[in-house]
Amino acid sequence: MIPDRMPERLASKLREFPRGSLQLELGIQTFNEEVADRIQRIQQNDRIETNMRFLREETEAYIHADLIAGLPGEDMQSFAKGFDRLAALSPHEIQVGVLKRLRGTPIARHDEEWAMIYSPEPPYNLIENRLMSPGDMARIDAFAQLWDKICNSGNFIETAPLLWLNEESVFDAFMRWSDWYVQQVGQRHSIPLDDLCSAVFTYLTTERRVGVNAICGPMLRDYQRGRRRGAPGCLRPHLAEIPRYQFDIPHLPQGLKRQTRHLTFCATSN
């Protein structure tokens, strides 16, 4: 849906959809008004915020919103500010995309002025531009992949916020985790969940200095929320200190595992 347009008739109808039946894709791309104007994207940011708050507070819709990194005229600081603005609105998923140039698309008009350089191979991702170096774009690409695996997947609903606990910027805090992960682990494709849990656990305890007891409960609940038995390997030495949880998870249609993990369920400990 167009995120800054929601007539009352539509808003009223959206309230009627039950949980697990509706996913809305909100294409935001940027909160930088100058950049939006440059790419001829007309949107009212204040209306986007109002409508997203309505969707989260008054409907059961699952909200997927996107931002695009590498747009002409947007540097890392501006992108970070836009990301934090979107994160504060609490969509279920934030998709961070890297700008691509398909043949014949109007974005090509900015190539010369903004020194836009794209990969010659599919999917034709932006490699660099005048404000974003190749290193910047590589960092954002890693950030996007890890955000998808940690936050969008629903596997770390309670654990992920520990990565930016007491930080002013979600983007900056998660970028520090992403940079650390790339340096220490490197692998970003086909990562077993147990390995990802171990990396998050190590980072939180060694870099963020979060106490083990503060991590174990949230991580075990996240793990078991996905209808998994047992616990990830990094928690097993601490199992005696962790309550066991049972989740009241309603039946939802097949194929909605990712969305289901984002929903809030009642948990009881044994």
Protein backbone atom coordinates (compact mmCIF):
# COMPACT_ATOMS: atom_id res chain seq x y z
CA MET A 1 0.00 0.00 0.00
CA ILE A 2 1.05 3.62 -0.42
CA PRO A 3 2.06 4.39 3.17
CA ASP A 4 0.91 8.02 3.38
CA ARG A 5 -2.57 7.40 1.93
CA MET A 6 -5.26 5.70 3.96
CA PRO A 7 -8.84 6.84 3.46
CA GLU A 8 -11.17 6.20 6.39
CA ARG A 9 -13.09 3.57 4.43
CA LEU A 10 -9.90 1.55 4.03
CA ALA A 11 -8.84 2.10 7.64
CA SER A 12 -12.22 0.85 8.84
CA LYS A 13 -11.98 -2.26 6.69
CA LEU A 14 -8.43 -3.05 7.85
CA ARG A 15 -9.63 -3.22 11.45
CA GLU A 16 -11.82 -6.20 10.53
CA PHE A 17 -9.04 -8.56 9.38
CA PRO A 18 -8.13 -11.21 11.98
CA ARG A 19 -4.60 -11.93 13.10
CA GLY A 20 -2.51 -13.84 10.59
CA SER A 21 -4.65 -12.99 7.56
CA LEU A 22 -3.16 -9.76 6.22
CA GLN A 23 0.35 -8.57 5.38
CA LEU A 24 0.91 -5.04 4.12
CA GLU A 25 3.99 -4.01 2.14
CA LEU A 26 4.87 -0.35 2.72
CA GLY A 27 7.34 1.10 0.25
CA ILE A 28 8.99 4.02 2.03
CA GLN A 29 12.50 3.98 0.49
CA THR A 30 13.68 7.16 2.25
CA PHE A 31 12.65 9.70 4.88
CA ASN A 32 15.03 12.29 3.43
CA GLU A 33 12.69 14.78 1.76
CA GLU A 34 15.37 16.22 -0.53
CA VAL A 35 16.32 12.76 -1.77
CA ALA A 36 12.68 11.79 -2.23
CA ASP A 37 12.11 14.92 -4.29
CA ARG A 38 15.21 14.19 -6.38
CA ILE A 39 13.92 10.74 -7.38
CA GLN A 40 10.44 12.22 -7.91
CA ARG A 41 8.91 10.33 -5.02
CA ILE A 42 6.04 12.30 -3.55
CA GLN A 43 5.20 11.35 0.01
CA GLN A 44 4.22 13.01 3.28
CA ASN A 45 6.42 11.68 6.05
CA ASP A 46 4.17 12.88 8.86
CA ARG A 47 1.24 10.99 7.32
CA ILE A 48 3.40 7.87 6.99
CA GLU A 49 4.11 7.98 10.71
CA THR A 50 0.45 8.55 11.60
CA ASN A 51 -0.72 5.70 9.38
CA MET A 52 1.92 3.26 10.62
CA ARG A 53 1.00 3.97 14.23
CA PHE A 54 -2.64 3.30 13.36
CA LEU A 55 -1.76 0.00 11.67
CA ARG A 56 0.31 -1.20 14.63
CA GLU A 57 -2.09 -0.03 17.34
CA GLU A 58 -5.53 -0.59 15.83
CA THR A 59 -5.18 -3.47 13.36
CA GLU A 60 -3.77 -7.01 13.33
CA ALA A 61 -1.99 -6.45 10.00
CA TYR A 62 1.57 -7.68 9.63
CA ILE A 63 3.67 -4.70 8.51
CA HIS A 64 6.63 -5.04 6.15
CA ALA A 65 8.35 -1.73 5.33
CA ASP A 66 11.40 -1.01 3.21
CA LEU A 67 14.24 1.48 2.92
CA ILE A 68 16.69 1.75 0.01
CA ALA A 69 20.38 2.43 0.61
CA GLY A 70 22.43 4.29 -2.02
CA LEU A 71 19.83 6.71 -3.35
CA PRO A 72 21.40 9.78 -4.98
CA GLY A 73 22.16 12.42 -2.36
CA GLU A 74 21.72 10.24 0.73
CA ASP A 75 24.83 9.54 2.81
CA MET A 76 25.30 7.04 5.64
CA GLN A 77 24.24 9.53 8.31
CA SER A 78 21.00 10.36 6.52
CA PHE A 79 20.22 6.69 5.92
CA ALA A 80 20.88 5.89 9.58
CA LYS A 81 18.53 8.68 10.66
CA GLY A 82 15.79 7.35 8.38
CA PHE A 83 16.29 3.80 9.63
CA ASP A 84 15.96 4.90 13.25
CA ARG A 85 12.83 6.86 12.38
CA LEU A 86 11.30 3.77 10.80
CA ALA A 87 12.42 1.45 13.61
CA ALA A 88 10.67 3.72 16.13
CA LEU A 89 7.38 2.96 14.33
CA SER A 90 7.82 -0.77 15.07
CA PRO A 91 6.95 -2.49 11.78
CA HIS A 92 7.24 -6.27 12.04
CA GLU A 93 9.91 -6.27 9.34
CA ILE A 94 12.26 -3.63 7.95
CA GLN A 95 13.74 -4.64 4.63
CA VAL A 96 16.98 -2.82 3.86
CA GLY A 97 17.53 -2.91 0.13
CA VAL A 98 20.56 -1.78 -1.86
CA LEU A 99 19.76 0.41 -4.85
CA LYS A 100 19.71 -1.46 -8.16
CA ARG A 101 19.66 -0.13 -11.70
CA LEU A 102 17.62 -2.04 -14.21
CA ARG A 103 18.01 -1.14 -17.84
CA GLY A 104 15.70 1.69 -18.88
CA THR A 105 14.76 2.82 -15.38
CA PRO A 106 14.79 6.58 -14.65
CA ILE A 107 17.35 6.29 -11.84
CA ALA A 108 19.99 6.32 -14.60
CA ARG A 109 19.52 10.08 -14.99
CA HIS A 110 21.53 10.58 -11.80
CA ASP A 111 24.54 8.49 -12.83
CA GLU A 112 26.83 11.32 -13.85
CA GLU A 113 25.96 13.93 -11.21
CA TRP A 114 26.18 11.50 -8.31
CA ALA A 115 28.92 9.23 -9.73
CA MET A 116 26.69 6.17 -9.50
CA ILE A 117 28.57 2.95 -10.21
CA TYR A 118 26.65 -0.31 -10.40
CA SER A 119 27.67 -3.92 -10.70
CA PRO A 120 27.54 -5.07 -14.35
CA GLU A 121 26.18 -8.43 -13.16
CA PRO A 122 22.67 -9.21 -11.88
CA PRO A 123 21.12 -7.98 -9.65
CA TYR A 124 23.01 -4.76 -10.67
CA ASN A 125 23.53 -3.47 -7.12
CA LEU A 126 25.05 -0.07 -6.50
CA ILE A 127 28.76 -0.41 -5.72
CA GLU A 128 29.43 3.23 -4.83
CA ASN A 129 28.39 6.80 -5.47
CA ARG A 130 29.62 10.26 -4.58
CA LEU A 131 28.49 10.02 -0.94
CA MET A 132 28.78 6.27 -0.32
CA SER A 133 32.12 4.52 -0.75
CA PRO A 134 32.47 0.84 -1.72
CA GLY A 135 33.26 0.19 1.94
CA ASP A 136 30.05 1.94 3.03
CA MET A 137 27.96 -0.12 0.62
CA ALA A 138 29.63 -3.36 1.69
CA ARG A 139 28.84 -2.56 5.33
CA ILE A 140 25.21 -1.79 4.53
CA ASP A 141 24.92 -5.00 2.52
CA ALA A 142 26.17 -7.02 5.50
CA PHE A 143 23.88 -5.02 7.82
CA ALA A 144 20.89 -5.84 5.59
CA GLN A 145 21.62 -9.57 5.51
CA LEU A 146 22.14 -9.82 9.25
CA TRP A 147 19.11 -7.64 10.05
CA ASP A 148 17.04 -10.05 7.99
CA LYS A 149 18.42 -13.09 9.83
CA ILE A 150 18.22 -11.57 13.30
CA CYS A 151 15.22 -9.23 13.27
CA ASN A 152 13.01 -10.02 10.29
CA SER A 153 13.20 -13.79 10.77
CA GLY A 154 11.40 -13.63 14.10
CA ASN A 155 14.01 -15.92 15.65
CA PHE A 156 15.30 -13.23 18.04
CA ILE A 157 12.20 -11.24 19.02
CA GLU A 158 13.28 -10.75 22.65
CA THR A 159 17.03 -11.15 22.19
CA ALA A 160 17.57 -8.65 19.35
CA PRO A 161 16.73 -5.54 21.44
CA LEU A 162 19.65 -6.41 23.72
CA LEU A 163 21.91 -5.48 20.80
CA TRP A 164 20.77 -1.85 21.07
CA LEU A 165 19.67 -1.67 24.71
CA ASN A 166 20.28 1.85 26.14
CA GLU A 167 21.62 3.07 22.78
CA GLU A 168 20.33 6.22 21.11
CA SER A 169 20.52 4.75 17.60
CA VAL A 170 19.28 1.27 16.67
CA PHE A 171 21.11 1.60 13.36
CA ASP A 172 24.47 2.47 14.89
CA ALA A 173 24.22 -0.28 17.51
CA PHE A 174 23.25 -2.95 14.99
CA MET A 175 25.97 -1.78 12.61
CA ARG A 176 28.54 -2.35 15.36
CA TRP A 177 27.22 -5.90 15.76
CA SER A 178 27.28 -6.40 11.99
CA ASP A 179 30.86 -5.13 11.68
CA TRP A 180 31.92 -7.41 14.55
CA TYR A 181 30.20 -10.43 13.00
CA VAL A 182 31.81 -9.89 9.60
CA GLN A 183 35.23 -9.58 11.21
CA GLN A 184 34.88 -12.49 13.63
CA VAL A 185 32.71 -14.96 11.68
CA GLY A 186 32.35 -13.79 8.11
CA GLN A 187 29.76 -16.34 6.93
CA ARG A 188 26.49 -14.65 5.99
CA HIS A 189 24.72 -17.30 3.91
CA SER A 190 23.10 -20.52 5.12
CA ILE A 191 24.01 -19.88 8.76
CA PRO A 192 22.65 -22.59 11.08
CA LEU A 193 20.44 -21.05 13.76
CA ASP A 194 22.54 -22.62 16.52
CA ASP A 195 25.67 -20.91 15.15
CA LEU A 196 23.87 -17.59 14.90
CA CYS A 197 22.67 -17.91 18.51
CA SER A 198 26.25 -18.62 19.58
CA ALA A 199 27.55 -15.52 17.76
CA VAL A 200 24.87 -13.28 19.31
CA PHE A 201 25.55 -14.76 22.76
CA THR A 202 29.30 -14.19 22.40
CA TYR A 203 28.87 -10.62 21.19
CA LEU A 204 26.43 -9.70 23.94
CA THR A 205 28.60 -11.15 26.71
CA THR A 206 32.01 -9.97 25.46
CA GLU A 207 31.34 -6.73 23.58
CA ARG A 208 28.14 -5.45 25.16
CA ARG A 209 28.94 -6.84 28.61
CA VAL A 210 25.38 -8.10 29.08
CA GLY A 211 25.03 -10.56 31.94
CA VAL A 212 24.45 -14.20 31.03
CA ASN A 213 21.27 -14.34 33.10
CA ALA A 214 19.83 -11.38 31.15
CA ILE A 215 20.42 -13.21 27.86
CA CYS A 216 19.40 -16.78 28.64
CA GLY A 217 15.70 -16.26 29.31
CA PRO A 218 14.99 -14.15 26.19
CA MET A 219 17.09 -16.38 23.92
CA LEU A 220 15.50 -19.60 25.16
CA ARG A 221 12.00 -18.15 24.76
CA ASP A 222 12.91 -17.02 21.23
CA TYR A 223 14.26 -20.46 20.39
CA GLN A 224 11.23 -22.31 21.74
CA ARG A 225 8.76 -19.83 20.27
CA GLY A 226 9.56 -21.41 16.90
CA ARG A 227 8.21 -24.77 18.21
CA ARG A 228 11.76 -26.07 18.68
CA ARG A 229 12.71 -28.47 21.43
CA GLY A 230 15.70 -28.10 23.70
CA ALA A 231 18.01 -25.10 23.60
CA PRO A 232 20.81 -23.71 21.43
CA GLY A 233 24.26 -25.01 22.33
CA CYS A 234 25.45 -21.73 23.88
CA LEU A 235 22.71 -21.95 26.52
CA ARG A 236 23.11 -25.59 27.50
CA PRO A 237 25.70 -24.95 30.23
CA HIS A 238 23.15 -22.64 31.86
CA LEU A 239 19.97 -24.72 31.49
CA ALA A 240 19.67 -25.47 35.19
CA GLU A 241 19.12 -21.77 35.82
CA ILE A 242 16.57 -21.17 33.04
CA PRO A 243 12.81 -21.81 33.40
CA ARG A 244 11.23 -23.99 30.69
CA TYR A 245 8.53 -22.29 28.66
CA GLN A 246 5.33 -23.38 26.98
CA PHE A 247 3.71 -21.14 24.38
CA ASP A 248 0.05 -20.86 23.57
CA ILE A 249 0.50 -20.57 19.80
CA PRO A 250 -2.72 -20.38 17.77
CA HIS A 251 -3.05 -22.25 14.50
CA LEU A 252 -2.25 -20.09 11.48
CA PRO A 253 -2.12 -21.06 7.80
CA GLN A 254 0.88 -23.03 6.56
CA GLY A 255 3.74 -20.94 5.22
CA LEU A 256 3.45 -18.19 7.84
CA LYS A 257 6.27 -19.36 10.13
CA ARG A 258 8.16 -16.07 9.86
CA GLN A 259 5.07 -13.98 10.54
CA THR A 260 3.91 -16.27 13.35
CA ARG A 261 7.13 -15.80 15.32
CA HIS A 262 6.55 -12.03 15.36
CA LEU A 263 3.16 -12.34 17.03
CA THR A 264 2.87 -12.06 20.80
CA PHE A 265 1.76 -15.22 22.58
CA CYS A 266 1.19 -16.20 26.16
CA ALA A 267 4.14 -18.05 27.70
CA THR A 268 4.11 -20.00 30.92
CA SER A 269 7.17 -21.39 32.68
CA ASN A 270 7.53 -24.81 34.25
